[in-house]
Amino acid sequence: MADGARRAGGASAGGRPQRRGRGCGARRPHGRAGPWRAREGEGRIRRSCDVGVGGFILVTFGCWFHCRYNYAKLRIQERIAREGIKNKILYESTHLDPERKQTNTNSSK
């Protein structure tokens, strides 16, 4: 009966007090103990997810800006070519045509 009373008081057969409410001898983490320490792995998961999403956003914006820059450059080149073609059509075979040979102007003076 003395052994039974001692066990009921919280001591094991070896004389050490029993851990109650922790189950299977779970250990308390080092450092600060609290409910926020129980989810220590979630911080790493969240950080890696944030890094992944941030990297995706950066790559997406980088590609988007690169494509927009090239598209704007192409539009400027097309506009310059279109104006050149329009001027060529307007001034072709007139006295303002820069490609027309200027032979008759010197002889008229």
PDB file of N, CA and C in Angstrom:
ATOM      1  N   MET A   1       0.806  -1.187   0.000  1.00  0.00           N
ATOM      2  CA  MET A   1       0.000   0.000   0.000  1.00  0.00           C
ATOM      3  C   MET A   1       0.849   1.250   0.000  1.00  0.00           C
ATOM      4  N   ALA A   2       2.024   1.175   0.557  1.00  0.00           N
ATOM      5  CA  ALA A   2       2.904   2.336   0.580  1.00  0.00           C
ATOM      6  C   ALA A   2       3.345   2.682  -0.833  1.00  0.00           C
ATOM      7  N   ASP A   3       3.597   1.637  -1.670  1.00  0.00           N
ATOM      8  CA  ASP A   3       3.967   1.906  -3.055  1.00  0.00           C
ATOM      9  C   ASP A   3       2.811   2.553  -3.812  1.00  0.00           C
ATOM     10  N   GLY A   4       1.620   2.092  -3.583  1.00  0.00           N
ATOM     11  CA  GLY A   4       0.462   2.649  -4.268  1.00  0.00           C
ATOM     12  C   GLY A   4       0.217   4.092  -3.877  1.00  0.00           C
ATOM     13  N   ALA A   5       0.427   4.417  -2.613  1.00  0.00           N
ATOM     14  CA  ALA A   5       0.217   5.792  -2.162  1.00  0.00           C
ATOM     15  C   ALA A   5       1.276   6.710  -2.745  1.00  0.00           C
ATOM     16  N   ARG A   6       2.508   6.176  -2.827  1.00  0.00           N
ATOM     17  CA  ARG A   6       3.574   7.000  -3.371  1.00  0.00           C
ATOM     18  C   ARG A   6       3.353   7.271  -4.861  1.00  0.00           C
ATOM     19  N   ARG A   7       2.898   6.287  -5.608  1.00  0.00           N
ATOM     20  CA  ARG A   7       2.612   6.486  -7.018  1.00  0.00           C
ATOM     21  C   ARG A   7       1.455   7.453  -7.214  1.00  0.00           C
ATOM     22  N   ALA A   8       0.498   7.391  -6.406  1.00  0.00           N
ATOM     23  CA  ALA A   8      -0.639   8.298  -6.521  1.00  0.00           C
ATOM     24  C   ALA A   8      -0.209   9.733  -6.262  1.00  0.00           C
ATOM     25  N   GLY A   9       0.827   9.922  -5.511  1.00  0.00           N
ATOM     26  CA  GLY A   9       1.321  11.254  -5.196  1.00  0.00           C
ATOM     27  C   GLY A   9       2.098  11.868  -6.339  1.00  0.00           C
ATOM     28  N   GLY A  10       2.421  11.109  -7.366  1.00  0.00           N
ATOM     29  CA  GLY A  10       3.069  11.684  -8.520  1.00  0.00           C
ATOM     30  C   GLY A  10       4.474  11.178  -8.732  1.00  0.00           C
ATOM     31  N   ALA A  11       4.930  10.204  -7.978  1.00  0.00           N
ATOM     32  CA  ALA A  11       6.285   9.699  -8.164  1.00  0.00           C
ATOM     33  C   ALA A  11       6.221   8.343  -8.839  1.00  0.00           C
ATOM     34  N   SER A  12       7.203   8.051  -9.657  1.00  0.00           N
ATOM     35  CA  SER A  12       7.270   6.754 -10.315  1.00  0.00           C
ATOM     36  C   SER A  12       8.022   5.796  -9.420  1.00  0.00           C
ATOM     37  N   ALA A  13       8.233   4.589  -9.921  1.00  0.00           N
ATOM     38  CA  ALA A  13       8.919   3.576  -9.128  1.00  0.00           C
ATOM     39  C   ALA A  13      10.359   3.974  -8.871  1.00  0.00           C
ATOM     40  N   GLY A  14      10.978   4.775  -9.719  1.00  0.00           N
ATOM     41  CA  GLY A  14      12.369   5.176  -9.555  1.00  0.00           C
ATOM     42  C   GLY A  14      12.524   6.371  -8.623  1.00  0.00           C
ATOM     43  N   GLY A  15      11.476   6.931  -8.146  1.00  0.00           N
ATOM     44  CA  GLY A  15      11.553   8.049  -7.237  1.00  0.00           C
ATOM     45  C   GLY A  15      11.455   9.398  -7.938  1.00  0.00           C
ATOM     46  N   ARG A  16      11.379   9.414  -9.247  1.00  0.00           N
ATOM     47  CA  ARG A  16      11.250  10.680  -9.969  1.00  0.00           C
ATOM     48  C   ARG A  16       9.780  11.039 -10.096  1.00  0.00           C
ATOM     49  N   PRO A  17       9.468  12.328 -10.137  1.00  0.00           N
ATOM     50  CA  PRO A  17       8.066  12.704 -10.347  1.00  0.00           C
ATOM     51  C   PRO A  17       7.657  12.433 -11.780  1.00  0.00           C
ATOM     52  N   GLN A  18       6.403  12.043 -11.962  1.00  0.00           N
ATOM     53  CA  GLN A  18       5.897  11.741 -13.288  1.00  0.00           C
ATOM     54  C   GLN A  18       5.525  13.028 -14.022  1.00  0.00           C
ATOM     55  N   ARG A  19       5.699  12.994 -15.346  1.00  0.00           N
ATOM     56  CA  ARG A  19       5.232  14.110 -16.176  1.00  0.00           C
ATOM     57  C   ARG A  19       3.798  13.825 -16.555  1.00  0.00           C
ATOM     58  N   ARG A  20       2.940  14.759 -16.295  1.00  0.00           N
ATOM     59  CA  ARG A  20       1.536  14.554 -16.602  1.00  0.00           C
ATOM     60  C   ARG A  20       1.084  15.531 -17.681  1.00  0.00           C
ATOM     61  N   GLY A  21       0.187  15.053 -18.514  1.00  0.00           N
ATOM     62  CA  GLY A  21      -0.424  15.923 -19.502  1.00  0.00           C
ATOM     63  C   GLY A  21       0.435  16.180 -20.727  1.00  0.00           C
ATOM     64  N   ARG A  22       1.592  15.590 -20.822  1.00  0.00           N
ATOM     65  CA  ARG A  22       2.459  15.824 -21.969  1.00  0.00           C
ATOM     66  C   ARG A  22       2.407  14.651 -22.944  1.00  0.00           C
ATOM     67  N   GLY A  23       2.144  13.462 -22.487  1.00  0.00           N
ATOM     68  CA  GLY A  23       1.990  12.296 -23.341  1.00  0.00           C
ATOM     69  C   GLY A  23       3.284  11.822 -23.962  1.00  0.00           C
ATOM     70  N   CYS A  24       3.619  10.598 -23.818  1.00  0.00           N
ATOM     71  CA  CYS A  24       4.764   9.920 -24.441  1.00  0.00           C
ATOM     72  C   CYS A  24       6.088  10.614 -24.172  1.00  0.00           C
ATOM     73  N   GLY A  25       6.236  11.289 -23.098  1.00  0.00           N
ATOM     74  CA  GLY A  25       7.509  11.901 -22.740  1.00  0.00           C
ATOM     75  C   GLY A  25       7.934  13.010 -23.672  1.00  0.00           C
ATOM     76  N   ALA A  26       6.998  13.792 -24.187  1.00  0.00           N
ATOM     77  CA  ALA A  26       7.334  14.898 -25.083  1.00  0.00           C
ATOM     78  C   ALA A  26       8.141  15.942 -24.326  1.00  0.00           C
ATOM     79  N   ARG A  27       9.105  16.505 -25.001  1.00  0.00           N
ATOM     80  CA  ARG A  27       9.982  17.483 -24.351  1.00  0.00           C
ATOM     81  C   ARG A  27       9.567  18.890 -24.726  1.00  0.00           C
ATOM     82  N   ARG A  28       9.802  19.785 -23.829  1.00  0.00           N
ATOM     83  CA  ARG A  28       9.530  21.198 -24.060  1.00  0.00           C
ATOM     84  C   ARG A  28      10.666  21.767 -24.899  1.00  0.00           C
ATOM     85  N   PRO A  29      10.382  22.569 -25.910  1.00  0.00           N
ATOM     86  CA  PRO A  29      11.464  23.123 -26.745  1.00  0.00           C
ATOM     87  C   PRO A  29      12.340  24.078 -25.942  1.00  0.00           C
ATOM     88  N   HIS A  30      13.574  24.178 -26.360  1.00  0.00           N
ATOM     89  CA  HIS A  30      14.506  25.091 -25.699  1.00  0.00           C
ATOM     90  C   HIS A  30      14.128  26.529 -26.001  1.00  0.00           C
ATOM     91  N   GLY A  31      14.522  27.434 -25.147  1.00  0.00           N
ATOM     92  CA  GLY A  31      14.199  28.843 -25.377  1.00  0.00           C
ATOM     93  C   GLY A  31      12.843  29.182 -24.777  1.00  0.00           C
ATOM     94  N   ARG A  32      12.169  30.146 -25.385  1.00  0.00           N
ATOM     95  CA  ARG A  32      10.863  30.565 -24.882  1.00  0.00           C
ATOM     96  C   ARG A  32       9.822  29.484 -25.128  1.00  0.00           C
ATOM     97  N   ALA A  33       9.045  29.241 -24.127  1.00  0.00           N
ATOM     98  CA  ALA A  33       7.970  28.274 -24.282  1.00  0.00           C
ATOM     99  C   ALA A  33       6.663  29.031 -24.402  1.00  0.00           C
ATOM    100  N   GLY A  34       5.809  28.560 -25.232  1.00  0.00           N
ATOM    101  CA  GLY A  34       4.517  29.213 -25.395  1.00  0.00           C
ATOM    102  C   GLY A  34       3.810  28.662 -26.606  1.00  0.00           C
ATOM    103  N   PRO A  35       2.600  29.115 -26.841  1.00  0.00           N
ATOM    104  CA  PRO A  35       1.845  28.582 -27.981  1.00  0.00           C
ATOM    105  C   PRO A  35       2.464  28.942 -29.322  1.00  0.00           C
ATOM    106  N   TRP A  36       3.210  30.049 -29.399  1.00  0.00           N
ATOM    107  CA  TRP A  36       3.823  30.429 -30.672  1.00  0.00           C
ATOM    108  C   TRP A  36       5.007  29.541 -31.015  1.00  0.00           C
ATOM    109  N   ARG A  37       5.589  28.885 -30.026  1.00  0.00           N
ATOM    110  CA  ARG A  37       6.708  27.993 -30.299  1.00  0.00           C
ATOM    111  C   ARG A  37       6.224  26.637 -30.808  1.00  0.00           C
ATOM    112  N   ALA A  38       4.968  26.298 -30.557  1.00  0.00           N
ATOM    113  CA  ALA A  38       4.445  25.021 -31.014  1.00  0.00           C
ATOM    114  C   ALA A  38       4.353  24.992 -32.534  1.00  0.00           C
ATOM    115  N   ARG A  39       4.263  26.156 -33.171  1.00  0.00           N
ATOM    116  CA  ARG A  39       4.147  26.238 -34.632  1.00  0.00           C
ATOM    117  C   ARG A  39       5.435  26.765 -35.251  1.00  0.00           C
ATOM    118  N   GLU A  40       6.553  26.339 -34.760  1.00  0.00           N
ATOM    119  CA  GLU A  40       7.840  26.843 -35.243  1.00  0.00           C
ATOM    120  C   GLU A  40       8.055  26.515 -36.716  1.00  0.00           C
ATOM    121  N   GLY A  41       7.629  25.345 -37.161  1.00  0.00           N
ATOM    122  CA  GLY A  41       7.810  24.942 -38.549  1.00  0.00           C
ATOM    123  C   GLY A  41       6.990  25.771 -39.515  1.00  0.00           C
ATOM    124  N   GLU A  42       5.871  26.316 -39.065  1.00  0.00           N
ATOM    125  CA  GLU A  42       5.016  27.098 -39.953  1.00  0.00           C
ATOM    126  C   GLU A  42       5.691  28.388 -40.402  1.00  0.00           C
ATOM    127  N   GLY A  43       6.549  28.963 -39.588  1.00  0.00           N
ATOM    128  CA  GLY A  43       7.269  30.175 -39.980  1.00  0.00           C
ATOM    129  C   GLY A  43       8.183  29.928 -41.165  1.00  0.00           C
ATOM    130  N   ARG A  44       8.847  28.789 -41.144  1.00  0.00           N
ATOM    131  CA  ARG A  44       9.734  28.448 -42.265  1.00  0.00           C
ATOM    132  C   ARG A  44       8.934  28.172 -43.526  1.00  0.00           C
ATOM    133  N   ILE A  45       7.821  27.482 -43.364  1.00  0.00           N
ATOM    134  CA  ILE A  45       6.980  27.181 -44.525  1.00  0.00           C
ATOM    135  C   ILE A  45       6.435  28.472 -45.111  1.00  0.00           C
ATOM    136  N   ARG A  46       5.961  29.353 -44.243  1.00  0.00           N
ATOM    137  CA  ARG A  46       5.395  30.611 -44.722  1.00  0.00           C
ATOM    138  C   ARG A  46       6.465  31.465 -45.398  1.00  0.00           C
ATOM    139  N   ARG A  47       7.661  31.501 -44.803  1.00  0.00           N
ATOM    140  CA  ARG A  47       8.743  32.295 -45.384  1.00  0.00           C
ATOM    141  C   ARG A  47       9.130  31.750 -46.757  1.00  0.00           C
ATOM    142  N   SER A  48       9.218  30.431 -46.884  1.00  0.00           N
ATOM    143  CA  SER A  48       9.586  29.862 -48.185  1.00  0.00           C
ATOM    144  C   SER A  48       8.485  30.106 -49.215  1.00  0.00           C
ATOM    145  N   CYS A  49       7.236  30.063 -48.763  1.00  0.00           N
ATOM    146  CA  CYS A  49       6.128  30.365 -49.684  1.00  0.00           C
ATOM    147  C   CYS A  49       6.177  31.829 -50.105  1.00  0.00           C
ATOM    148  N   ASP A  50       6.458  32.728 -49.155  1.00  0.00           N
ATOM    149  CA  ASP A  50       6.571  34.149 -49.491  1.00  0.00           C
ATOM    150  C   ASP A  50       7.714  34.405 -50.463  1.00  0.00           C
ATOM    151  N   VAL A  51       8.832  33.715 -50.261  1.00  0.00           N
ATOM    152  CA  VAL A  51       9.972  33.869 -51.174  1.00  0.00           C
ATOM    153  C   VAL A  51       9.598  33.362 -52.569  1.00  0.00           C
ATOM    154  N   GLY A  52       8.898  32.243 -52.629  1.00  0.00           N
ATOM    155  CA  GLY A  52       8.479  31.711 -53.916  1.00  0.00           C
ATOM    156  C   GLY A  52       7.526  32.642 -54.648  1.00  0.00           C
ATOM    157  N   VAL A  53       6.538  33.166 -53.917  1.00  0.00           N
ATOM    158  CA  VAL A  53       5.577  34.094 -54.536  1.00  0.00           C
ATOM    159  C   VAL A  53       6.272  35.380 -54.952  1.00  0.00           C
ATOM    160  N   GLY A  54       7.164  35.882 -54.100  1.00  0.00           N
ATOM    161  CA  GLY A  54       7.909  37.100 -54.446  1.00  0.00           C
ATOM    162  C   GLY A  54       8.775  36.904 -55.676  1.00  0.00           C
ATOM    163  N   GLY A  55       9.431  35.762 -55.763  1.00  0.00           N
ATOM    164  CA  GLY A  55      10.238  35.473 -56.951  1.00  0.00           C
ATOM    165  C   GLY A  55       9.391  35.383 -58.206  1.00  0.00           C
ATOM    166  N   PHE A  56       8.225  34.761 -58.091  1.00  0.00           N
ATOM    167  CA  PHE A  56       7.322  34.664 -59.237  1.00  0.00           C
ATOM    168  C   PHE A  56       6.874  36.046 -59.689  1.00  0.00           C
ATOM    169  N   ILE A  57       6.536  36.909 -58.736  1.00  0.00           N
ATOM    170  CA  ILE A  57       6.086  38.270 -59.071  1.00  0.00           C
ATOM    171  C   ILE A  57       7.211  39.047 -59.741  1.00  0.00           C
ATOM    172  N   LEU A  58       8.425  38.945 -59.202  1.00  0.00           N
ATOM    173  CA  LEU A  58       9.553  39.668 -59.793  1.00  0.00           C
ATOM    174  C   LEU A  58       9.845  39.197 -61.221  1.00  0.00           C
ATOM    175  N   VAL A  59       9.855  37.898 -61.426  1.00  0.00           N
ATOM    176  CA  VAL A  59      10.126  37.373 -62.771  1.00  0.00           C
ATOM    177  C   VAL A  59       9.015  37.776 -63.736  1.00  0.00           C
ATOM    178  N   THR A  60       7.757  37.708 -63.266  1.00  0.00           N
ATOM    179  CA  THR A  60       6.634  38.077 -64.127  1.00  0.00           C
ATOM    180  C   THR A  60       6.702  39.540 -64.522  1.00  0.00           C
ATOM    181  N   PHE A  61       6.938  40.425 -63.538  1.00  0.00           N
ATOM    182  CA  PHE A  61       7.047  41.853 -63.856  1.00  0.00           C
ATOM    183  C   PHE A  61       8.251  42.140 -64.739  1.00  0.00           C
ATOM    184  N   GLY A  62       9.364  41.456 -64.490  1.00  0.00           N
ATOM    185  CA  GLY A  62      10.547  41.650 -65.331  1.00  0.00           C
ATOM    186  C   GLY A  62      10.274  41.288 -66.777  1.00  0.00           C
ATOM    187  N   CYS A  63       9.643  40.146 -67.005  1.00  0.00           N
ATOM    188  CA  CYS A  63       9.305  39.742 -68.377  1.00  0.00           C
ATOM    189  C   CYS A  63       8.294  40.698 -68.997  1.00  0.00           C
ATOM    190  N   TRP A  64       7.316  41.131 -68.215  1.00  0.00           N
ATOM    191  CA  TRP A  64       6.281  42.023 -68.730  1.00  0.00           C
ATOM    192  C   TRP A  64       6.882  43.363 -69.158  1.00  0.00           C
ATOM    193  N   PHE A  65       7.737  43.945 -68.299  1.00  0.00           N
ATOM    194  CA  PHE A  65       8.357  45.227 -68.652  1.00  0.00           C
ATOM    195  C   PHE A  65       9.273  45.081 -69.862  1.00  0.00           C
ATOM    196  N   HIS A  66      10.004  43.977 -69.958  1.00  0.00           N
ATOM    197  CA  HIS A  66      10.876  43.737 -71.113  1.00  0.00           C
ATOM    198  C   HIS A  66      10.050  43.679 -72.399  1.00  0.00           C
ATOM    199  N   CYS A  67       8.937  42.956 -72.350  1.00  0.00           N
ATOM    200  CA  CYS A  67       8.089  42.849 -73.546  1.00  0.00           C
ATOM    201  C   CYS A  67       7.451  44.187 -73.897  1.00  0.00           C
ATOM    202  N   ARG A  68       7.016  44.941 -72.903  1.00  0.00           N
ATOM    203  CA  ARG A  68       6.418  46.247 -73.172  1.00  0.00           C
ATOM    204  C   ARG A  68       7.444  47.197 -73.789  1.00  0.00           C
ATOM    205  N   TYR A  69       8.682  47.161 -73.312  1.00  0.00           N
ATOM    206  CA  TYR A  69       9.739  48.015 -73.855  1.00  0.00           C
ATOM    207  C   TYR A  69      10.001  47.667 -75.313  1.00  0.00           C
ATOM    208  N   ASN A  70      10.130  46.364 -75.592  1.00  0.00           N
ATOM    209  CA  ASN A  70      10.382  45.947 -76.978  1.00  0.00           C
ATOM    210  C   ASN A  70       9.212  46.298 -77.890  1.00  0.00           C
ATOM    211  N   TYR A  71       7.989  46.163 -77.393  1.00  0.00           N
ATOM    212  CA  TYR A  71       6.810  46.496 -78.194  1.00  0.00           C
ATOM    213  C   TYR A  71       6.768  47.991 -78.492  1.00  0.00           C
ATOM    214  N   ALA A  72       7.085  48.825 -77.500  1.00  0.00           N
ATOM    215  CA  ALA A  72       7.099  50.278 -77.722  1.00  0.00           C
ATOM    216  C   ALA A  72       8.192  50.656 -78.722  1.00  0.00           C
ATOM    217  N   LYS A  73       9.358  50.018 -78.617  1.00  0.00           N
ATOM    218  CA  LYS A  73      10.445  50.288 -79.552  1.00  0.00           C
ATOM    219  C   LYS A  73      10.049  49.889 -80.971  1.00  0.00           C
ATOM    220  N   LEU A  74       9.389  48.759 -81.103  1.00  0.00           N
ATOM    221  CA  LEU A  74       8.936  48.300 -82.414  1.00  0.00           C
ATOM    222  C   LEU A  74       7.899  49.254 -83.010  1.00  0.00           C
ATOM    223  N   ARG A  75       6.990  49.758 -82.172  1.00  0.00           N
ATOM    224  CA  ARG A  75       5.986  50.704 -82.666  1.00  0.00           C
ATOM    225  C   ARG A  75       6.627  51.992 -83.151  1.00  0.00           C
ATOM    226  N   ILE A  76       7.661  52.473 -82.453  1.00  0.00           N
ATOM    227  CA  ILE A  76       8.360  53.693 -82.888  1.00  0.00           C
ATOM    228  C   ILE A  76       9.038  53.453 -84.234  1.00  0.00           C
ATOM    229  N   GLN A  77       9.701  52.288 -84.382  1.00  0.00           N
ATOM    230  CA  GLN A  77      10.350  51.971 -85.650  1.00  0.00           C
ATOM    231  C   GLN A  77       9.336  51.862 -86.785  1.00  0.00           C
ATOM    232  N   GLU A  78       8.186  51.264 -86.510  1.00  0.00           N
ATOM    233  CA  GLU A  78       7.155  51.158 -87.537  1.00  0.00           C
ATOM    234  C   GLU A  78       6.620  52.535 -87.928  1.00  0.00           C
ATOM    235  N   ARG A  79       6.446  53.415 -86.951  1.00  0.00           N
ATOM    236  CA  ARG A  79       5.947  54.761 -87.249  1.00  0.00           C
ATOM    237  C   ARG A  79       6.931  55.534 -88.122  1.00  0.00           C
ATOM    238  N   ILE A  80       8.222  55.414 -87.814  1.00  0.00           N
ATOM    239  CA  ILE A  80       9.245  56.092 -88.621  1.00  0.00           C
ATOM    240  C   ILE A  80       9.253  55.532 -90.046  1.00  0.00           C
ATOM    241  N   ALA A  81       9.154  54.204 -90.180  1.00  0.00           N
ATOM    242  CA  ALA A  81       9.128  53.593 -91.516  1.00  0.00           C
ATOM    243  C   ALA A  81       7.873  54.008 -92.276  1.00  0.00           C
ATOM    244  N   ARG A  82       6.730  54.069 -91.592  1.00  0.00           N
ATOM    245  CA  ARG A  82       5.479  54.459 -92.241  1.00  0.00           C
ATOM    246  C   ARG A  82       5.548  55.900 -92.738  1.00  0.00           C
ATOM    247  N   GLU A  83       6.120  56.796 -91.922  1.00  0.00           N
ATOM    248  CA  GLU A  83       6.274  58.193 -92.357  1.00  0.00           C
ATOM    249  C   GLU A  83       7.214  58.296 -93.550  1.00  0.00           C
ATOM    250  N   GLY A  84       8.270  57.496 -93.545  1.00  0.00           N
ATOM    251  CA  GLY A  84       9.200  57.496 -94.680  1.00  0.00           C
ATOM    252  C   GLY A  84       8.539  57.026 -95.952  1.00  0.00           C
ATOM    253  N   ILE A  85       7.746  55.964 -95.850  1.00  0.00           N
ATOM    254  CA  ILE A  85       7.032  55.461 -97.038  1.00  0.00           C
ATOM    255  C   ILE A  85       6.024  56.493 -97.531  1.00  0.00           C
ATOM    256  N   LYS A  86       5.330  57.141 -96.590  1.00  0.00           N
ATOM    257  CA  LYS A  86       4.344  58.148 -96.974  1.00  0.00           C
ATOM    258  C   LYS A  86       5.024  59.321 -97.692  1.00  0.00           C
ATOM    259  N   ASN A  87       6.169  59.766 -97.178  1.00  0.00           N
ATOM    260  CA  ASN A  87       6.905  60.862 -97.824  1.00  0.00           C
ATOM    261  C   ASN A  87       7.421  60.438 -99.198  1.00  0.00           C
ATOM    262  N   LYS A  88       7.849  59.195 -99.318  1.00  0.00           N
ATOM    263  CA  LYS A  88       8.338  58.710-100.610  1.00  0.00           C
ATOM    264  C   LYS A  88       7.215  58.727-101.646  1.00  0.00           C
ATOM    265  N   ILE A  89       6.028  58.285-101.225  1.00  0.00           N
ATOM    266  CA  ILE A  89       4.886  58.284-102.145  1.00  0.00           C
ATOM    267  C   ILE A  89       4.487  59.712-102.513  1.00  0.00           C
ATOM    268  N   LEU A  90       4.498  60.629-101.541  1.00  0.00           N
ATOM    269  CA  LEU A  90       4.088  62.013-101.802  1.00  0.00           C
ATOM    270  C   LEU A  90       5.053  62.737-102.737  1.00  0.00           C
ATOM    271  N   TYR A  91       6.346  62.580-102.509  1.00  0.00           N
ATOM    272  CA  TYR A  91       7.333  63.378-103.233  1.00  0.00           C
ATOM    273  C   TYR A  91       7.910  62.681-104.455  1.00  0.00           C
ATOM    274  N   GLU A  92       7.433  61.463-104.751  1.00  0.00           N
ATOM    275  CA  GLU A  92       7.986  60.724-105.882  1.00  0.00           C
ATOM    276  C   GLU A  92       7.647  61.434-107.191  1.00  0.00           C
ATOM    277  N   SER A  93       8.645  61.565-108.023  1.00  0.00           N
ATOM    278  CA  SER A  93       8.578  62.213-109.344  1.00  0.00           C
ATOM    279  C   SER A  93       8.120  63.672-109.269  1.00  0.00           C
ATOM    280  N   THR A  94       8.473  64.358-108.205  1.00  0.00           N
ATOM    281  CA  THR A  94       8.253  65.805-108.115  1.00  0.00           C
ATOM    282  C   THR A  94       9.609  66.478-107.990  1.00  0.00           C
ATOM    283  N   HIS A  95       9.604  67.792-108.033  1.00  0.00           N
ATOM    284  CA  HIS A  95      10.885  68.499-107.906  1.00  0.00           C
ATOM    285  C   HIS A  95      11.411  68.454-106.467  1.00  0.00           C
ATOM    286  N   LEU A  96      10.585  68.019-105.488  1.00  0.00           N
ATOM    287  CA  LEU A  96      11.032  67.904-104.099  1.00  0.00           C
ATOM    288  C   LEU A  96      11.593  66.523-103.774  1.00  0.00           C
ATOM    289  N   ASP A  97      11.607  65.607-104.733  1.00  0.00           N
ATOM    290  CA  ASP A  97      12.102  64.248-104.507  1.00  0.00           C
ATOM    291  C   ASP A  97      13.610  64.287-104.311  1.00  0.00           C
ATOM    292  N   PRO A  98      14.109  63.857-103.149  1.00  0.00           N
ATOM    293  CA  PRO A  98      15.564  63.905-102.922  1.00  0.00           C
ATOM    294  C   PRO A  98      16.339  62.904-103.766  1.00  0.00           C
ATOM    295  N   GLU A  99      15.714  61.870-104.279  1.00  0.00           N
ATOM    296  CA  GLU A  99      16.410  60.876-105.090  1.00  0.00           C
ATOM    297  C   GLU A  99      16.443  61.262-106.569  1.00  0.00           C
ATOM    298  N   ARG A 100      15.702  62.246-106.958  1.00  0.00           N
ATOM    299  CA  ARG A 100      15.648  62.652-108.353  1.00  0.00           C
ATOM    300  C   ARG A 100      16.941  63.371-108.723  1.00  0.00           C
ATOM    301  N   LYS A 101      17.471  63.078-109.880  1.00  0.00           N
ATOM    302  CA  LYS A 101      18.730  63.699-110.302  1.00  0.00           C
ATOM    303  C   LYS A 101      18.510  65.170-110.610  1.00  0.00           C
ATOM    304  N   GLN A 102      19.409  65.963-110.138  1.00  0.00           N
ATOM    305  CA  GLN A 102      19.305  67.421-110.305  1.00  0.00           C
ATOM    306  C   GLN A 102      20.138  67.876-111.508  1.00  0.00           C
ATOM    307  N   THR A 103      19.802  67.481-112.713  1.00  0.00           N
ATOM    308  CA  THR A 103      20.569  67.869-113.911  1.00  0.00           C
ATOM    309  C   THR A 103      20.022  69.105-114.569  1.00  0.00           C
ATOM    310  N   ASN A 104      18.717  69.322-114.538  1.00  0.00           N
ATOM    311  CA  ASN A 104      18.110  70.430-115.238  1.00  0.00           C
ATOM    312  C   ASN A 104      18.229  71.763-114.510  1.00  0.00           C
ATOM    313  N   THR A 105      18.511  71.772-113.242  1.00  0.00           N
ATOM    314  CA  THR A 105      18.566  73.032-112.484  1.00  0.00           C
ATOM    315  C   THR A 105      19.781  73.863-112.837  1.00  0.00           C
ATOM    316  N   ASN A 106      20.900  73.244-113.095  1.00  0.00           N
ATOM    317  CA  ASN A 106      22.117  73.987-113.417  1.00  0.00           C
ATOM    318  C   ASN A 106      22.066  74.561-114.840  1.00  0.00           C
ATOM    319  N   SER A 107      21.415  73.848-115.749  1.00  0.00           N
ATOM    320  CA  SER A 107      21.375  74.318-117.128  1.00  0.00           C
ATOM    321  C   SER A 107      20.376  75.460-117.336  1.00  0.00           C
ATOM    322  N   SER A 108      19.393  75.598-116.455  1.00  0.00           N
ATOM    323  CA  SER A 108      18.406  76.661-116.635  1.00  0.00           C
ATOM    324  C   SER A 108      18.950  78.023-116.225  1.00  0.00           C
ATOM    325  N   LYS A 109      19.995  78.074-115.475  1.00  0.00           N
ATOM    326  CA  LYS A 109      20.561  79.358-115.054  1.00  0.00           C
ATOM    327  C   LYS A 109      21.398  79.894-116.119  1.00  0.00           C
TER     328      LYS A 109
END
